[in-house]
Amino acid sequence: MSPLPRSTELPAGGAVVSADAVPNRTGSWRTGLKPQANLDTCVNCLLCWVYCPDSAVLVEDGVFQGFDLDACKGCQICDEMCPVDAIRMVPEDDPSPPLSVVRAGSNGHG
């Protein structure tokens, strides 16, 4: 009788491997609001990343980087979960930087 294969030797079979997953995009719609983060206030707790239902929070090497506005649907969960109010929802036509990340005073919203 041959030994059972190790779990790392089994094919993915029915599981979605993150590297192979197709990104979910909202297309041209959002609720009319988009998230904006103030990096001077952010404490990098990553609760926004944990609770985001659309994987729209960008994190690199464990550090918050901004939002993928192509994936964000404007649900406001990130804003609600932020313990230091570093995230706020702004109107869709707000002239925010591409990743919707600002430093205090950099866009007139301080």
C-alpha atoms as a PDB file:
ATOM      1  CA  MET A   1       0.000   0.000   0.000  1.00  0.00           C
ATOM      2  CA  SER A   2       1.431   3.376  -1.026  1.00  0.00           C
ATOM      3  CA  PRO A   3       1.430   6.290   1.418  1.00  0.00           C
ATOM      4  CA  LEU A   4      -1.134   9.037   0.982  1.00  0.00           C
ATOM      5  CA  PRO A   5       0.138  12.157  -0.795  1.00  0.00           C
ATOM      6  CA  ARG A   6       0.918  15.214   1.266  1.00  0.00           C
ATOM      7  CA  SER A   7      -1.602  18.046   1.135  1.00  0.00           C
ATOM      8  CA  THR A   8       0.898  20.185  -0.769  1.00  0.00           C
ATOM      9  CA  GLU A   9       1.063  17.515  -3.479  1.00  0.00           C
ATOM     10  CA  LEU A  10      -2.687  17.490  -4.152  1.00  0.00           C
ATOM     11  CA  PRO A  11      -4.189  19.488  -7.031  1.00  0.00           C
ATOM     12  CA  ALA A  12      -6.265  22.548  -6.114  1.00  0.00           C
ATOM     13  CA  GLY A  13      -9.488  20.662  -7.010  1.00  0.00           C
ATOM     14  CA  GLY A  14     -12.448  22.890  -6.297  1.00  0.00           C
ATOM     15  CA  ALA A  15     -10.497  25.544  -4.449  1.00  0.00           C
ATOM     16  CA  VAL A  16      -9.861  28.985  -5.859  1.00  0.00           C
ATOM     17  CA  VAL A  17      -6.188  29.811  -5.670  1.00  0.00           C
ATOM     18  CA  SER A  18      -5.741  33.551  -5.181  1.00  0.00           C
ATOM     19  CA  ALA A  19      -3.168  33.813  -7.966  1.00  0.00           C
ATOM     20  CA  ASP A  20      -5.701  32.293 -10.392  1.00  0.00           C
ATOM     21  CA  ALA A  21      -8.777  34.197  -9.207  1.00  0.00           C
ATOM     22  CA  VAL A  22     -10.373  36.670 -11.588  1.00  0.00           C
ATOM     23  CA  PRO A  23     -10.594  40.108  -9.926  1.00  0.00           C
ATOM     24  CA  ASN A  24     -14.127  41.302  -9.220  1.00  0.00           C
ATOM     25  CA  ARG A  25     -14.715  44.685 -10.852  1.00  0.00           C
ATOM     26  CA  THR A  26     -17.654  47.014 -10.327  1.00  0.00           C
ATOM     27  CA  GLY A  27     -17.479  48.266 -13.883  1.00  0.00           C
ATOM     28  CA  SER A  28     -18.812  51.791 -14.215  1.00  0.00           C
ATOM     29  CA  TRP A  29     -21.038  51.870 -11.139  1.00  0.00           C
ATOM     30  CA  ARG A  30     -20.554  52.680  -7.474  1.00  0.00           C
ATOM     31  CA  THR A  31     -23.017  54.029  -4.908  1.00  0.00           C
ATOM     32  CA  GLY A  32     -21.985  57.604  -5.680  1.00  0.00           C
ATOM     33  CA  LEU A  33     -19.444  57.665  -2.868  1.00  0.00           C
ATOM     34  CA  LYS A  34     -15.837  56.489  -2.783  1.00  0.00           C
ATOM     35  CA  PRO A  35     -13.450  56.005   0.139  1.00  0.00           C
ATOM     36  CA  GLN A  36     -10.646  58.402   0.882  1.00  0.00           C
ATOM     37  CA  ALA A  37      -7.993  57.707   3.517  1.00  0.00           C
ATOM     38  CA  ASN A  38      -5.910  60.221   5.420  1.00  0.00           C
ATOM     39  CA  LEU A  39      -2.485  58.639   5.920  1.00  0.00           C
ATOM     40  CA  ASP A  40      -1.612  61.110   8.675  1.00  0.00           C
ATOM     41  CA  THR A  41      -4.429  59.626  10.769  1.00  0.00           C
ATOM     42  CA  CYS A  42      -4.239  55.963   9.674  1.00  0.00           C
ATOM     43  CA  VAL A  43      -2.733  53.591  12.270  1.00  0.00           C
ATOM     44  CA  ASN A  44      -2.438  50.681   9.800  1.00  0.00           C
ATOM     45  CA  CYS A  45      -4.745  48.417  11.806  1.00  0.00           C
ATOM     46  CA  LEU A  46      -5.994  46.956   8.480  1.00  0.00           C
ATOM     47  CA  LEU A  47      -9.558  46.545   9.740  1.00  0.00           C
ATOM     48  CA  CYS A  48     -10.660  48.122   6.442  1.00  0.00           C
ATOM     49  CA  TRP A  49      -8.877  45.292   4.607  1.00  0.00           C
ATOM     50  CA  VAL A  50     -10.328  42.605   6.874  1.00  0.00           C
ATOM     51  CA  TYR A  51     -13.934  43.749   6.448  1.00  0.00           C
ATOM     52  CA  CYS A  52     -13.937  44.882   2.795  1.00  0.00           C
ATOM     53  CA  PRO A  53     -16.281  42.500   0.945  1.00  0.00           C
ATOM     54  CA  ASP A  54     -14.747  43.338  -2.446  1.00  0.00           C
ATOM     55  CA  SER A  55     -10.989  43.167  -1.767  1.00  0.00           C
ATOM     56  CA  ALA A  56     -10.768  46.838  -2.703  1.00  0.00           C
ATOM     57  CA  VAL A  57      -8.280  47.740   0.040  1.00  0.00           C
ATOM     58  CA  LEU A  58      -4.711  47.653  -1.242  1.00  0.00           C
ATOM     59  CA  VAL A  59      -2.053  46.331   1.138  1.00  0.00           C
ATOM     60  CA  GLU A  60       1.600  45.794   0.313  1.00  0.00           C
ATOM     61  CA  ASP A  61       4.013  44.123   2.726  1.00  0.00           C
ATOM     62  CA  GLY A  62       1.430  44.485   5.503  1.00  0.00           C
ATOM     63  CA  VAL A  63       1.001  48.235   4.988  1.00  0.00           C
ATOM     64  CA  PHE A  64      -2.171  49.981   3.823  1.00  0.00           C
ATOM     65  CA  GLN A  65      -1.622  51.525   0.370  1.00  0.00           C
ATOM     66  CA  GLY A  66      -5.035  52.826  -0.664  1.00  0.00           C
ATOM     67  CA  PHE A  67      -8.134  51.614  -2.472  1.00  0.00           C
ATOM     68  CA  ASP A  68      -8.719  49.885  -5.778  1.00  0.00           C
ATOM     69  CA  LEU A  69     -11.582  52.040  -6.983  1.00  0.00           C
ATOM     70  CA  ASP A  70     -12.268  49.612  -9.837  1.00  0.00           C
ATOM     71  CA  ALA A  71     -13.224  47.002  -7.227  1.00  0.00           C
ATOM     72  CA  CYS A  72     -14.892  49.295  -4.664  1.00  0.00           C
ATOM     73  CA  LYS A  73     -18.673  49.552  -4.780  1.00  0.00           C
ATOM     74  CA  GLY A  74     -18.917  52.278  -2.129  1.00  0.00           C
ATOM     75  CA  CYS A  75     -20.507  50.148   0.605  1.00  0.00           C
ATOM     76  CA  GLN A  76     -18.919  52.312   3.365  1.00  0.00           C
ATOM     77  CA  ILE A  77     -17.871  49.349   5.520  1.00  0.00           C
ATOM     78  CA  CYS A  78     -14.245  50.528   5.572  1.00  0.00           C
ATOM     79  CA  ASP A  79     -15.384  53.931   6.832  1.00  0.00           C
ATOM     80  CA  GLU A  80     -17.533  52.342   9.539  1.00  0.00           C
ATOM     81  CA  MET A  81     -14.783  49.964  10.713  1.00  0.00           C
ATOM     82  CA  CYS A  82     -11.934  52.497  10.912  1.00  0.00           C
ATOM     83  CA  PRO A  83     -11.267  53.056  14.638  1.00  0.00           C
ATOM     84  CA  VAL A  84      -9.507  56.398  14.109  1.00  0.00           C
ATOM     85  CA  ASP A  85     -11.779  57.909  11.427  1.00  0.00           C
ATOM     86  CA  ALA A  86      -8.946  57.927   8.877  1.00  0.00           C
ATOM     87  CA  ILE A  87     -11.380  56.875   6.132  1.00  0.00           C
ATOM     88  CA  ARG A  88     -14.264  58.969   4.932  1.00  0.00           C
ATOM     89  CA  MET A  89     -16.596  58.643   2.004  1.00  0.00           C
ATOM     90  CA  VAL A  90     -16.464  61.441  -0.561  1.00  0.00           C
ATOM     91  CA  PRO A  91     -18.654  62.120  -3.599  1.00  0.00           C
ATOM     92  CA  GLU A  92     -17.708  60.250  -6.751  1.00  0.00           C
ATOM     93  CA  ASP A  93     -16.756  63.484  -8.524  1.00  0.00           C
ATOM     94  CA  ASP A  94     -14.378  64.559  -5.715  1.00  0.00           C
ATOM     95  CA  PRO A  95     -10.964  65.219  -7.315  1.00  0.00           C
ATOM     96  CA  SER A  96      -9.099  62.699  -5.144  1.00  0.00           C
ATOM     97  CA  PRO A  97      -5.774  61.110  -6.065  1.00  0.00           C
ATOM     98  CA  PRO A  98      -6.077  57.859  -8.076  1.00  0.00           C
ATOM     99  CA  LEU A  99      -5.783  55.598  -5.022  1.00  0.00           C
ATOM    100  CA  SER A 100      -7.885  57.932  -2.897  1.00  0.00           C
ATOM    101  CA  VAL A 101      -5.097  58.418  -0.364  1.00  0.00           C
ATOM    102  CA  VAL A 102      -4.249  61.849   0.960  1.00  0.00           C
ATOM    103  CA  ARG A 103      -2.121  63.557   3.530  1.00  0.00           C
ATOM    104  CA  ALA A 104      -3.741  66.184   5.718  1.00  0.00           C
ATOM    105  CA  GLY A 105      -4.222  69.425   3.823  1.00  0.00           C
ATOM    106  CA  SER A 106      -3.118  68.031   0.449  1.00  0.00           C
ATOM    107  CA  ASN A 107      -6.509  68.370  -1.213  1.00  0.00           C
ATOM    108  CA  GLY A 108      -8.272  71.081   0.744  1.00  0.00           C
ATOM    109  CA  HIS A 109     -10.141  68.602   2.955  1.00  0.00           C
ATOM    110  CA  GLY A 110      -7.512  68.623   5.764  1.00  0.00           C
END
